[in-house]
Amino acid sequence: MVYVIDLILVMQNVFLIVQAQNTPTSVDIWMINLAVRTYRMSPIKAQIHTDIMDFVDKGGIADHGRNNAVDRIVALIEQHRKESAELMKQKMTTEDPSKDENLHTWGIELPKPSSSPVDGRRVV
């Protein structure tokens, strides 16, 4: 359950980053890194994980079946999506994901972005 919620809120963050670009762009590793790191370090993630643990401990799935679990997932996404979006917008104004020096902590070794000889857009 929690992975579904985490994925949806991280994808919302990626969408917000792409939307904030002034020109059409494709998603790159820098955007994904910022989206995941922002969500991972947020109090929202901790709250959602606590809520899910409470739900499971109270027999949410076992007592009420699959529909109850789906309802709980939808409710938690609705409850936290606006707060998560606001946090992402704040983070975007204070960080440049292309200058992230912490990629090694993710086990990611990538070359720095360069210009494509074809259309001048950033490529990795």
Protein backbone atom coordinates (compact mmCIF):
# COMPACT_ATOMS: atom_id res chain seq x y z
CA MET A 1 0.00 0.00 0.00
CA VAL A 2 2.63 2.48 1.02
CA TYR A 3 4.65 1.98 -2.17
CA VAL A 4 1.66 2.97 -4.28
CA ILE A 5 1.22 6.20 -2.35
CA ASP A 6 4.96 6.95 -2.39
CA LEU A 7 5.13 6.39 -6.14
CA ILE A 8 2.14 8.60 -6.90
CA LEU A 9 3.41 11.49 -4.78
CA VAL A 10 6.93 11.23 -6.24
CA MET A 11 5.48 11.19 -9.76
CA GLN A 12 3.48 14.30 -8.86
CA ASN A 13 6.77 15.93 -7.84
CA VAL A 14 8.38 14.96 -11.16
CA PHE A 15 5.40 16.44 -13.00
CA LEU A 16 5.76 19.72 -11.07
CA ILE A 17 9.45 19.94 -11.92
CA VAL A 18 8.80 19.33 -15.63
CA GLN A 19 5.92 21.79 -15.59
CA ALA A 20 8.16 24.46 -14.04
CA GLN A 21 10.57 24.31 -16.99
CA ASN A 22 10.13 27.23 -19.37
CA THR A 23 10.75 25.07 -22.41
CA PRO A 24 9.54 21.62 -23.38
CA THR A 25 11.84 19.08 -21.81
CA SER A 26 12.08 15.40 -21.10
CA VAL A 27 12.57 14.01 -17.63
CA ASP A 28 16.20 13.53 -16.68
CA ILE A 29 17.99 11.98 -13.72
CA TRP A 30 18.42 15.36 -12.01
CA MET A 31 14.66 15.91 -11.91
CA ILE A 32 13.99 12.42 -10.62
CA ASN A 33 16.68 12.79 -7.97
CA LEU A 34 15.20 16.05 -6.69
CA ALA A 35 11.66 14.65 -6.69
CA VAL A 36 12.60 11.46 -4.83
CA ARG A 37 14.94 13.16 -2.37
CA THR A 38 12.41 15.87 -1.54
CA TYR A 39 9.69 13.33 -0.85
CA ARG A 40 11.99 10.92 0.99
CA MET A 41 13.17 13.62 3.40
CA SER A 42 9.73 15.15 3.95
CA PRO A 43 7.61 14.77 7.05
CA ILE A 44 4.78 13.80 4.70
CA LYS A 45 6.42 10.45 3.90
CA ALA A 46 6.88 9.67 7.59
CA GLN A 47 3.25 10.55 8.33
CA ILE A 48 1.93 8.39 5.49
CA HIS A 49 4.04 5.44 6.58
CA THR A 50 2.78 5.84 10.15
CA ASP A 51 -0.83 6.04 8.96
CA ILE A 52 -0.42 2.87 6.89
CA MET A 53 1.17 0.99 9.80
CA ASP A 54 -1.74 2.03 12.02
CA PHE A 55 -4.22 0.91 9.36
CA VAL A 56 -2.54 -2.49 9.01
CA ASP A 57 -2.16 -2.94 12.78
CA LYS A 58 -5.87 -2.33 13.20
CA GLY A 59 -6.62 -5.10 10.70
CA GLY A 60 -7.58 -2.78 7.86
CA ILE A 61 -7.14 -5.29 5.06
CA ALA A 62 -7.95 -8.45 7.00
CA ASP A 63 -11.13 -7.10 8.60
CA HIS A 64 -12.58 -5.11 5.75
CA GLY A 65 -11.08 -6.51 2.56
CA ARG A 66 -9.36 -5.07 -0.46
CA ASN A 67 -11.85 -2.27 -1.13
CA ASN A 68 -11.12 -0.79 2.28
CA ALA A 69 -7.39 -0.77 1.46
CA VAL A 70 -8.02 0.98 -1.86
CA ASP A 71 -10.24 3.53 -0.13
CA ARG A 72 -7.49 4.19 2.42
CA ILE A 73 -4.88 4.65 -0.32
CA VAL A 74 -7.08 7.16 -2.14
CA ALA A 75 -7.84 9.02 1.10
CA LEU A 76 -4.15 9.31 2.03
CA ILE A 77 -3.20 10.56 -1.43
CA GLU A 78 -5.97 13.16 -1.32
CA GLN A 79 -5.01 14.15 2.21
CA HIS A 80 -1.31 14.71 1.42
CA ARG A 81 -1.00 15.61 -2.27
CA LYS A 82 -1.43 19.38 -1.86
CA GLU A 83 1.02 19.54 1.02
CA SER A 84 3.50 17.45 -0.95
CA ALA A 85 3.14 19.74 -3.98
CA GLU A 86 3.74 22.84 -1.87
CA LEU A 87 6.87 21.31 -0.36
CA MET A 88 8.13 20.43 -3.84
CA LYS A 89 7.52 23.98 -5.09
CA GLN A 90 9.47 25.39 -2.16
CA LYS A 91 12.33 22.99 -2.82
CA MET A 92 12.45 23.93 -6.51
CA THR A 93 13.01 27.58 -5.62
CA THR A 94 15.98 26.76 -3.40
CA GLU A 95 17.79 23.97 -5.28
CA ASP A 96 19.18 23.34 -8.72
CA PRO A 97 18.96 19.58 -9.28
CA SER A 98 21.60 19.72 -12.02
CA LYS A 99 24.14 20.71 -9.35
CA ASP A 100 23.34 17.81 -7.05
CA GLU A 101 26.57 16.57 -5.54
CA ASN A 102 24.85 13.76 -3.63
CA LEU A 103 24.16 11.44 -6.55
CA HIS A 104 26.85 9.07 -5.30
CA THR A 105 24.69 8.32 -2.25
CA TRP A 106 22.11 6.90 -4.67
CA GLY A 107 24.73 4.76 -6.39
CA ILE A 108 24.34 6.84 -9.54
CA GLU A 109 27.36 7.61 -11.66
CA LEU A 110 26.39 9.70 -14.67
CA PRO A 111 28.19 12.17 -16.89
CA LYS A 112 27.34 15.83 -16.51
CA PRO A 113 24.69 17.14 -18.94
CA SER A 114 25.93 18.44 -22.27
CA SER A 115 24.34 19.99 -25.32
CA SER A 116 23.10 17.77 -28.08
CA PRO A 117 24.55 18.65 -31.49
CA VAL A 118 21.14 18.01 -33.03
CA ASP A 119 18.80 20.36 -31.20
CA GLY A 120 20.81 22.03 -28.42
CA ARG A 121 18.81 20.43 -25.60
CA ARG A 122 20.45 18.95 -22.54
CA VAL A 123 21.21 15.28 -22.75
CA VAL A 124 22.73 12.87 -20.28
